[in-house]
Amino acid sequence: MSKPMNNVQKIQHSLTKRKRAETRFRWYGRIAILIGLAAVMMLFTDIISKGHGAFRVTYIQLEVEYDQGLIGVTNLTDPAQLQDGNWGAIPKAALRAKFTDVSGRRDKRKLYGLLSNGAGFDLKDRLVANPLLLGEKERIWILADDDIDTYYKSWLDGEPYAARMSDKQMAWIDQLHNEGNIRLQFNSNLFTRGDSREPEQAGIRGAIMGSLFTLILTLLLSFPIGVSAAIYLEEFAPKNRWTDFIEVNINNLAAVPSIIFGLLGLAIFINFFHVPRSVPIVGGLVLTLMTLPTIIITSRAAIKSVPPSIREAALGMGASKYQMVLHHVLPLALPGMLTGAIIGMAQALGETAPLLMIGMVAFIVDIPAGFTDPATVLPVQIFLWADSPERAFIEKTSAAIMVLLSFLIVMNTTAVWLRKRLERRW
């Protein structure tokens, strides 16, 4: 029969159990952090492994001749001739001159498939920029087709993907590789062009410019309105049922699904005010509604963090309440407000659902030059590419995700830096 424990033993036993519980709790936290980090690392590894190839693209070197009779253009300043010119004949003639043994319509069609469908228009742009080339020859690197690009990259990796390749095309690529006339180059088209049905020509510049215009308008509208609302509610509004009702609804709006704001924008801005679809103006208005609750809540928290002694000192020196808020409270609360605004802009940058509802899912080729030009945004561009059947769009989608994540990381890092750099310790 065991002896009953005395008080000291009971206390020691209790302390031992508590220490074990604390140790287990700390390990639970560490394990949770490790699981989260592992999940993030797996996500980033998957995205980078699929998307890094999009930053390089396959080019083929050929000797082209800007033959006036071939393209039917004698005056490069005549828009009609430029529009009617047979620009696709230049790269086709260069391929025929390179592979002289190719005959038959079917084999020639396969041969022409080595190059991008837009290769002729790229040569047109080069010729317009350098008119002295008309009638001359030059060796130039020409963009390859997306199937060729996919095959060549996989072939270099030792796992050739030849699902859409013919045996003759693979033999031609082997010949070009042995001669040093095919290689991977930095894919500048990804950052200088808009969307395209051809994966090798598609870029994200149009989506980036659309996101930029949309975010500029969102910031210009949401920040002053959100800060003004926060100042009024925190410093001037009477504490009654009406202001309590407003505060509750602001907090509720912060938790509303973003697609609801898209429906609201569709009903009010497009159907009622007849704002054009798929333009940064309507996108900025919708995202303003979505980010306002976040900015108001963070701005009120920043105002609350200013010690009451600041207010009392300003009022004691004879300042009016307006002067106290404008000259003392607002400057001290501004770093926290800026942090909240940046977080709100990062949230707006990554939104897709509300913009789908207002038509910013349209296929936009041209680069938007203003707030009223048709545009799309980077998350919607990712959505469109992810739904495309071409294999080459897989790496394009992952590359665009990498660019979007880079912007979000920069914005959130800036918010953290501002908070650390400008915060006041009372």
Protein backbone atom coordinates (compact mmCIF):
# COMPACT_ATOMS: atom_id res chain seq x y z
CA MET A 1 0.00 0.00 0.00
CA SER A 2 1.52 3.34 -1.16
CA LYS A 3 1.98 6.19 1.25
CA PRO A 4 -0.09 9.35 0.66
CA MET A 5 1.92 12.29 -0.70
CA ASN A 6 2.65 15.22 1.56
CA ASN A 7 2.12 18.82 0.49
CA VAL A 8 5.68 19.28 -0.81
CA GLN A 9 5.42 16.19 -2.97
CA LYS A 10 2.05 17.32 -4.30
CA ILE A 11 3.49 20.70 -5.25
CA GLN A 12 6.51 19.10 -6.92
CA HIS A 13 4.25 16.69 -8.81
CA SER A 14 2.03 19.56 -9.93
CA LEU A 15 5.04 21.60 -11.08
CA THR A 16 6.40 18.62 -12.99
CA LYS A 17 3.08 18.14 -14.81
CA ARG A 18 2.86 21.85 -15.59
CA LYS A 19 6.42 21.93 -16.97
CA ARG A 20 5.68 18.90 -19.14
CA ALA A 21 2.51 20.54 -20.41
CA GLU A 22 4.42 23.74 -21.21
CA THR A 23 7.12 21.73 -23.01
CA ARG A 24 4.50 19.88 -25.05
CA PHE A 25 2.79 23.18 -25.90
CA ARG A 26 6.06 24.70 -27.10
CA TRP A 27 6.72 21.65 -29.26
CA TYR A 28 3.19 21.82 -30.68
CA GLY A 29 3.93 25.41 -31.71
CA ARG A 30 7.28 24.49 -33.24
CA ILE A 31 5.75 21.58 -35.14
CA ALA A 32 2.95 23.82 -36.42
CA ILE A 33 5.50 26.38 -37.64
CA LEU A 34 7.57 23.65 -39.32
CA ILE A 35 4.48 22.25 -41.06
CA GLY A 36 3.55 25.72 -42.28
CA LEU A 37 7.08 26.40 -43.52
CA ALA A 38 7.20 23.01 -45.23
CA ALA A 39 3.90 23.70 -47.00
CA VAL A 40 5.14 27.12 -48.15
CA MET A 41 8.44 25.63 -49.34
CA MET A 42 6.58 22.92 -51.27
CA LEU A 43 4.37 25.56 -52.88
CA PHE A 44 7.30 27.77 -53.87
CA THR A 45 9.32 24.79 -55.10
CA ASP A 46 6.43 23.61 -57.28
CA ILE A 47 5.82 27.09 -58.73
CA ILE A 48 9.49 27.80 -59.39
CA SER A 49 10.16 24.37 -60.89
CA LYS A 50 7.29 24.84 -63.34
CA GLY A 51 7.79 28.54 -64.06
CA HIS A 52 11.52 29.16 -64.29
CA GLY A 53 11.57 27.92 -67.89
CA ALA A 54 9.26 30.74 -69.00
CA PHE A 55 12.04 33.26 -68.44
CA ARG A 56 13.92 31.71 -71.36
CA VAL A 57 12.60 30.95 -74.82
CA THR A 58 13.92 29.16 -77.90
CA TYR A 59 15.32 31.11 -80.86
CA ILE A 60 16.50 29.81 -84.24
CA GLN A 61 19.19 31.59 -86.24
CA LEU A 62 18.51 32.04 -89.95
CA GLU A 63 19.70 34.22 -92.79
CA VAL A 64 16.78 36.31 -93.95
CA GLU A 65 16.46 38.54 -96.99
CA TYR A 66 14.14 41.55 -96.93
CA ASP A 67 13.23 41.10 -100.60
CA GLN A 68 10.91 43.85 -101.83
CA GLY A 69 9.33 41.61 -104.44
CA LEU A 70 8.76 38.84 -101.92
CA ILE A 71 6.96 40.95 -99.37
CA GLY A 72 5.38 43.38 -101.84
CA VAL A 73 6.58 46.51 -100.06
CA THR A 74 8.61 49.31 -101.64
CA ASN A 75 7.77 52.20 -99.31
CA LEU A 76 8.04 51.57 -95.58
CA THR A 77 6.27 54.85 -94.80
CA ASP A 78 3.08 53.79 -96.59
CA PRO A 79 0.65 52.31 -94.01
CA ALA A 80 -1.34 50.52 -96.72
CA GLN A 81 1.73 48.68 -98.00
CA LEU A 82 2.78 47.77 -94.48
CA GLN A 83 -0.65 46.36 -93.77
CA ASP A 84 -0.87 44.36 -97.02
CA GLY A 85 2.75 43.14 -97.03
CA ASN A 86 3.42 39.41 -97.12
CA TRP A 87 5.62 39.43 -94.02
CA GLY A 88 5.29 35.73 -93.34
CA ALA A 89 7.08 35.01 -96.61
CA ILE A 90 10.43 36.25 -95.21
CA PRO A 91 10.95 33.55 -92.52
CA LYS A 92 9.46 30.87 -94.78
CA ALA A 93 11.96 31.69 -97.52
CA ALA A 94 14.79 31.61 -94.98
CA LEU A 95 13.73 28.14 -93.82
CA ARG A 96 13.53 26.85 -97.39
CA ALA A 97 17.01 28.21 -98.06
CA LYS A 98 18.31 26.51 -94.91
CA PHE A 99 16.70 23.12 -95.54
CA THR A 100 16.92 22.80 -99.32
CA ASP A 101 16.05 19.10 -99.33
CA VAL A 102 12.53 19.66 -97.97
CA SER A 103 9.83 19.24 -100.60
CA GLY A 104 6.12 18.60 -100.61
CA ARG A 105 3.39 20.70 -99.12
CA ARG A 106 3.03 18.65 -95.95
CA ASP A 107 6.77 18.67 -95.14
CA LYS A 108 6.99 22.40 -95.84
CA ARG A 109 4.11 23.02 -93.48
CA LYS A 110 6.01 21.11 -90.79
CA LEU A 111 9.14 23.09 -91.63
CA TYR A 112 7.33 26.42 -91.31
CA GLY A 113 6.01 25.20 -87.95
CA LEU A 114 9.52 25.54 -86.50
CA LEU A 115 9.00 29.28 -86.18
CA SER A 116 6.40 31.33 -84.35
CA ASN A 117 3.36 32.44 -86.30
CA GLY A 118 4.30 36.02 -85.46
CA ALA A 119 7.87 35.76 -86.75
CA GLY A 120 7.01 37.70 -89.90
CA PHE A 121 5.54 40.58 -87.92
CA ASP A 122 8.64 40.66 -85.70
CA LEU A 123 10.74 41.04 -88.84
CA LYS A 124 8.34 43.75 -90.05
CA ASP A 125 8.90 45.73 -86.84
CA ARG A 126 12.65 45.32 -87.22
CA LEU A 127 12.52 46.50 -90.83
CA VAL A 128 10.38 49.52 -90.00
CA ALA A 129 12.84 50.45 -87.25
CA ASN A 130 15.80 49.97 -89.68
CA PRO A 131 14.60 50.95 -93.19
CA LEU A 132 18.11 50.52 -94.64
CA LEU A 133 17.67 46.74 -94.31
CA LEU A 134 15.11 46.72 -97.16
CA GLY A 135 16.60 44.62 -99.95
CA GLU A 136 19.46 43.40 -97.76
CA LYS A 137 20.31 40.12 -96.02
CA GLU A 138 21.19 39.49 -92.37
CA ARG A 139 21.59 36.62 -89.92
CA ILE A 140 19.09 36.98 -87.13
CA TRP A 141 17.68 34.97 -84.23
CA ILE A 142 13.96 34.31 -84.83
CA LEU A 143 11.44 33.20 -82.19
CA ALA A 144 10.55 29.50 -82.36
CA ASP A 145 7.06 28.02 -82.08
CA ASP A 146 5.80 27.04 -78.62
CA ASP A 147 5.82 23.31 -79.45
CA ILE A 148 9.44 23.59 -80.58
CA ASP A 149 10.26 25.56 -77.44
CA THR A 150 8.65 22.93 -75.20
CA TYR A 151 10.40 20.07 -76.97
CA TYR A 152 13.83 21.74 -77.03
CA LYS A 153 13.75 22.60 -73.32
CA SER A 154 12.65 19.08 -72.38
CA TRP A 155 15.27 17.63 -74.76
CA LEU A 156 18.01 19.63 -73.04
CA ASP A 157 16.73 18.33 -69.68
CA GLY A 158 17.06 14.74 -70.92
CA GLU A 159 13.32 14.03 -70.95
CA PRO A 160 12.11 15.03 -74.44
CA TYR A 161 8.40 15.81 -74.72
CA ALA A 162 7.55 14.99 -78.33
CA ALA A 163 3.76 14.66 -78.18
CA ARG A 164 3.16 17.25 -80.92
CA MET A 165 6.42 16.77 -82.81
CA SER A 166 7.08 14.85 -86.02
CA ASP A 167 10.23 12.82 -86.63
CA LYS A 168 11.38 15.27 -89.29
CA GLN A 169 10.97 18.24 -86.99
CA MET A 170 13.05 16.51 -84.32
CA ALA A 171 15.72 15.75 -86.95
CA TRP A 172 15.77 19.41 -88.04
CA ILE A 173 16.18 20.52 -84.44
CA ASP A 174 19.06 18.07 -83.99
CA GLN A 175 20.71 19.56 -87.07
CA LEU A 176 20.19 23.12 -85.84
CA HIS A 177 21.57 22.21 -82.41
CA ASN A 178 24.68 20.58 -83.88
CA GLU A 179 25.30 23.68 -86.02
CA GLY A 180 24.76 26.04 -83.06
CA ASN A 181 21.76 27.68 -84.76
CA ILE A 182 19.24 27.06 -81.97
CA ARG A 183 19.51 28.23 -78.38
CA LEU A 184 17.64 29.53 -75.36
CA GLN A 185 17.61 33.30 -74.74
CA PHE A 186 16.10 35.54 -72.11
CA ASN A 187 12.38 35.86 -72.79
CA SER A 188 11.99 39.64 -73.00
CA ASN A 189 8.55 39.14 -74.60
CA LEU A 190 7.23 38.07 -71.19
CA PHE A 191 7.74 41.60 -69.87
CA THR A 192 7.28 43.70 -73.03
CA ARG A 193 4.15 42.28 -74.69
CA GLY A 194 0.49 41.83 -73.91
CA ASP A 195 -1.56 38.65 -74.04
CA SER A 196 -1.58 36.42 -77.11
CA ARG A 197 -3.13 33.16 -78.29
CA GLU A 198 0.40 32.00 -79.09
CA PRO A 199 2.24 31.07 -75.86
CA GLU A 200 5.69 32.08 -77.12
CA GLN A 201 4.42 35.60 -77.86
CA ALA A 202 2.29 36.09 -74.75
CA GLY A 203 3.47 38.54 -72.11
CA ILE A 204 2.33 40.13 -68.88
CA ARG A 205 3.06 43.77 -69.59
CA GLY A 206 -0.57 44.53 -70.36
CA ALA A 207 -1.68 42.86 -67.11
CA ILE A 208 0.99 44.69 -65.11
CA MET A 209 -0.06 48.07 -66.54
CA GLY A 210 -3.72 47.24 -65.90
CA SER A 211 -2.90 46.33 -62.29
CA LEU A 212 -0.88 49.53 -61.92
CA PHE A 213 -3.67 51.81 -63.16
CA THR A 214 -6.24 49.96 -61.06
CA LEU A 215 -4.15 50.18 -57.88
CA ILE A 216 -3.34 53.87 -58.42
CA LEU A 217 -7.04 54.69 -58.64
CA THR A 218 -7.79 52.43 -55.67
CA LEU A 219 -5.15 54.17 -53.54
CA LEU A 220 -6.26 57.68 -54.56
CA LEU A 221 -9.84 56.90 -53.55
CA SER A 222 -9.56 54.50 -50.62
CA PHE A 223 -6.77 56.11 -48.59
CA PRO A 224 -8.24 59.62 -48.13
CA ILE A 225 -11.78 58.29 -47.69
CA GLY A 226 -10.68 55.58 -45.25
CA VAL A 227 -8.48 57.93 -43.19
CA SER A 228 -11.19 60.59 -43.09
CA ALA A 229 -13.80 58.07 -41.94
CA ALA A 230 -11.43 56.73 -39.27
CA ILE A 231 -10.68 60.23 -37.95
CA TYR A 232 -14.35 61.15 -37.79
CA LEU A 233 -15.40 57.92 -36.07
CA GLU A 234 -12.55 58.02 -33.58
CA GLU A 235 -12.29 61.74 -32.78
CA PHE A 236 -15.50 63.55 -33.69
CA ALA A 237 -18.44 61.12 -33.94
CA PRO A 238 -20.71 60.95 -30.86
CA LYS A 239 -20.85 57.57 -29.15
CA ASN A 240 -24.41 56.41 -29.74
CA ARG A 241 -26.32 53.56 -31.32
CA TRP A 242 -25.88 54.98 -34.80
CA THR A 243 -22.07 55.03 -34.63
CA ASP A 244 -22.09 51.60 -32.99
CA PHE A 245 -24.17 50.36 -35.92
CA ILE A 246 -21.65 51.84 -38.38
CA GLU A 247 -18.69 50.28 -36.57
CA VAL A 248 -20.30 46.83 -36.53
CA ASN A 249 -21.03 47.02 -40.25
CA ILE A 250 -17.49 48.18 -41.08
CA ASN A 251 -16.16 45.13 -39.26
CA ASN A 252 -18.68 42.94 -41.07
CA LEU A 253 -17.71 44.37 -44.46
CA ALA A 254 -14.09 43.40 -43.83
CA ALA A 255 -15.22 39.75 -43.72
CA VAL A 256 -17.56 39.85 -46.73
CA PRO A 257 -16.39 37.59 -49.63
CA SER A 258 -14.73 39.67 -52.33
CA ILE A 259 -17.04 38.41 -55.07
CA ILE A 260 -19.92 40.27 -53.35
CA PHE A 261 -18.12 43.53 -54.05
CA GLY A 262 -17.88 42.45 -57.69
CA LEU A 263 -21.64 41.94 -57.80
CA LEU A 264 -22.10 45.34 -56.16
CA GLY A 265 -19.85 46.98 -58.75
CA LEU A 266 -21.70 45.22 -61.56
CA ALA A 267 -25.07 46.42 -60.28
CA ILE A 268 -24.09 50.01 -59.41
CA PHE A 269 -21.16 51.16 -61.54
CA ILE A 270 -21.89 49.23 -64.74
CA ASN A 271 -25.66 48.72 -64.84
CA PHE A 272 -26.69 51.96 -63.13
CA PHE A 273 -23.92 54.47 -63.88
CA HIS A 274 -22.98 52.76 -67.19
CA VAL A 275 -19.23 52.79 -66.55
CA PRO A 276 -17.53 50.77 -69.35
CA ARG A 277 -16.64 47.19 -68.58
CA SER A 278 -13.05 45.96 -68.34
CA VAL A 279 -11.44 49.35 -67.66
CA PRO A 280 -9.22 50.30 -64.70
CA ILE A 281 -11.77 52.91 -63.57
CA VAL A 282 -14.46 50.38 -62.68
CA GLY A 283 -11.83 48.00 -61.30
CA GLY A 284 -10.46 50.75 -59.06
CA LEU A 285 -13.94 51.66 -57.82
CA VAL A 286 -14.75 48.05 -56.92
CA LEU A 287 -11.42 47.48 -55.18
CA THR A 288 -11.89 50.76 -53.31
CA LEU A 289 -15.10 49.42 -51.80
CA MET A 290 -13.31 46.20 -50.89
CA THR A 291 -10.25 47.80 -49.26
CA LEU A 292 -12.05 50.61 -47.39
CA PRO A 293 -12.96 48.46 -44.33
CA THR A 294 -9.34 47.32 -43.96
CA ILE A 295 -7.98 50.85 -44.18
CA ILE A 296 -10.62 52.24 -41.79
CA ILE A 297 -9.96 49.55 -39.18
CA THR A 298 -6.15 49.89 -39.32
CA SER A 299 -6.37 53.70 -39.33
CA ARG A 300 -8.60 53.69 -36.24
CA ALA A 301 -6.16 51.36 -34.50
CA ALA A 302 -3.31 53.73 -35.37
CA ILE A 303 -5.25 56.71 -33.99
CA LYS A 304 -6.08 54.82 -30.80
CA SER A 305 -2.38 54.08 -30.27
CA VAL A 306 -1.58 57.80 -29.90
CA PRO A 307 -1.42 58.50 -26.12
CA PRO A 308 -4.19 60.71 -24.65
CA SER A 309 -1.47 62.95 -23.19
CA ILE A 310 -0.70 64.22 -26.72
CA ARG A 311 -4.30 65.31 -27.16
CA GLU A 312 -4.50 66.82 -23.67
CA ALA A 313 -1.24 68.75 -24.14
CA ALA A 314 -2.38 70.19 -27.48
CA LEU A 315 -5.77 71.21 -26.11
CA GLY A 316 -4.09 72.63 -23.00
CA MET A 317 -1.92 74.88 -25.18
CA GLY A 318 -5.06 76.37 -26.73
CA ALA A 319 -5.33 74.32 -29.93
CA SER A 320 -8.77 73.57 -31.28
CA LYS A 321 -9.87 69.97 -31.64
CA TYR A 322 -9.39 70.25 -35.39
CA GLN A 323 -5.84 71.57 -34.91
CA MET A 324 -5.11 68.89 -32.33
CA VAL A 325 -6.13 66.13 -34.73
CA LEU A 326 -4.51 67.62 -37.85
CA HIS A 327 -1.21 68.80 -36.34
CA HIS A 328 -0.56 66.25 -33.60
CA VAL A 329 -2.63 63.04 -33.75
CA LEU A 330 -2.61 62.51 -37.53
CA PRO A 331 1.20 62.84 -38.01
CA LEU A 332 1.81 60.38 -35.19
CA ALA A 333 -0.76 57.90 -36.49
CA LEU A 334 0.28 58.23 -40.14
CA PRO A 335 2.89 55.38 -40.14
CA GLY A 336 0.25 52.91 -38.95
CA MET A 337 -2.19 54.24 -41.53
CA LEU A 338 0.35 53.83 -44.33
CA THR A 339 1.03 50.27 -43.20
CA GLY A 340 -2.69 49.49 -43.32
CA ALA A 341 -3.00 51.11 -46.75
CA ILE A 342 -0.12 49.04 -48.15
CA ILE A 343 -1.64 45.84 -46.76
CA GLY A 344 -4.97 46.84 -48.32
CA MET A 345 -3.28 47.48 -51.68
CA ALA A 346 -1.55 44.09 -51.49
CA GLN A 347 -4.93 42.49 -50.85
CA ALA A 348 -6.40 44.36 -53.83
CA LEU A 349 -3.49 43.36 -56.08
CA GLY A 350 -4.16 39.67 -55.49
CA GLU A 351 -7.93 39.80 -55.99
CA THR A 352 -9.54 38.03 -58.93
CA ALA A 353 -13.20 37.27 -58.15
CA PRO A 354 -14.57 40.85 -58.03
CA LEU A 355 -12.79 41.77 -61.26
CA LEU A 356 -14.20 38.74 -63.08
CA MET A 357 -17.69 40.06 -62.33
CA ILE A 358 -17.01 43.43 -63.99
CA GLY A 359 -15.56 42.06 -67.21
CA MET A 360 -11.82 42.38 -66.64
CA VAL A 361 -11.51 38.79 -67.79
CA ALA A 362 -11.58 39.90 -71.44
CA PHE A 363 -8.80 38.91 -73.84
CA ILE A 364 -6.74 42.12 -74.09
CA VAL A 365 -3.82 42.24 -76.53
CA ASP A 366 -2.99 45.95 -76.53
CA ILE A 367 -1.09 47.55 -73.66
CA PRO A 368 -3.42 49.95 -71.76
CA ALA A 369 -2.17 53.53 -71.78
CA GLY A 370 -4.68 55.08 -69.37
CA PHE A 371 -7.51 54.57 -66.92
CA THR A 372 -10.15 54.31 -69.67
CA ASP A 373 -8.42 51.76 -71.91
CA PRO A 374 -9.59 48.12 -71.83
CA ALA A 375 -7.33 46.17 -69.50
CA THR A 376 -6.93 43.11 -67.39
CA VAL A 377 -4.93 42.58 -64.20
CA LEU A 378 -2.22 40.11 -63.24
CA PRO A 379 -4.36 37.67 -61.18
CA VAL A 380 -6.96 37.51 -63.95
CA GLN A 381 -4.20 36.96 -66.53
CA ILE A 382 -3.01 34.02 -64.45
CA PHE A 383 -6.59 32.70 -64.37
CA LEU A 384 -6.85 32.94 -68.17
CA TRP A 385 -3.54 31.22 -68.83
CA ALA A 386 -4.29 28.45 -66.34
CA ASP A 387 -7.39 27.63 -68.38
CA SER A 388 -5.50 27.47 -71.71
CA PRO A 389 -4.94 24.03 -73.23
CA GLU A 390 -1.43 24.61 -74.60
CA ARG A 391 1.32 22.98 -72.54
CA ALA A 392 3.55 26.05 -72.91
CA PHE A 393 1.04 28.12 -70.94
CA ILE A 394 1.75 25.99 -67.84
CA GLU A 395 5.16 27.57 -67.35
CA LYS A 396 3.77 30.97 -68.34
CA THR A 397 1.15 30.65 -65.59
CA SER A 398 3.75 29.72 -62.98
CA ALA A 399 6.04 32.55 -64.12
CA ALA A 400 3.21 35.06 -63.79
CA ILE A 401 2.48 33.70 -60.29
CA MET A 402 6.15 34.24 -59.42
CA VAL A 403 5.95 37.85 -60.58
CA LEU A 404 2.72 38.42 -58.63
CA LEU A 405 4.19 36.87 -55.48
CA SER A 406 7.27 39.08 -55.88
CA PHE A 407 5.07 42.20 -55.93
CA LEU A 408 3.13 40.99 -52.88
CA ILE A 409 6.32 40.18 -50.96
CA VAL A 410 7.75 43.61 -51.77
CA MET A 411 4.57 45.38 -50.67
CA ASN A 412 4.26 43.44 -47.42
CA THR A 413 7.97 43.86 -46.69
CA THR A 414 7.58 47.59 -47.26
CA ALA A 415 4.68 47.66 -44.81
CA VAL A 416 6.75 45.86 -42.15
CA TRP A 417 9.73 48.15 -42.78
CA LEU A 418 7.56 51.27 -42.48
CA ARG A 419 6.07 50.02 -39.24
CA LYS A 420 9.51 49.31 -37.77
CA ARG A 421 11.10 52.47 -39.15
CA LEU A 422 8.43 55.00 -38.26
CA GLU A 423 6.71 53.56 -35.23
CA ARG A 424 6.92 55.54 -31.98
CA ARG A 425 7.42 53.88 -28.63
CA TRP A 426 5.58 55.69 -25.88
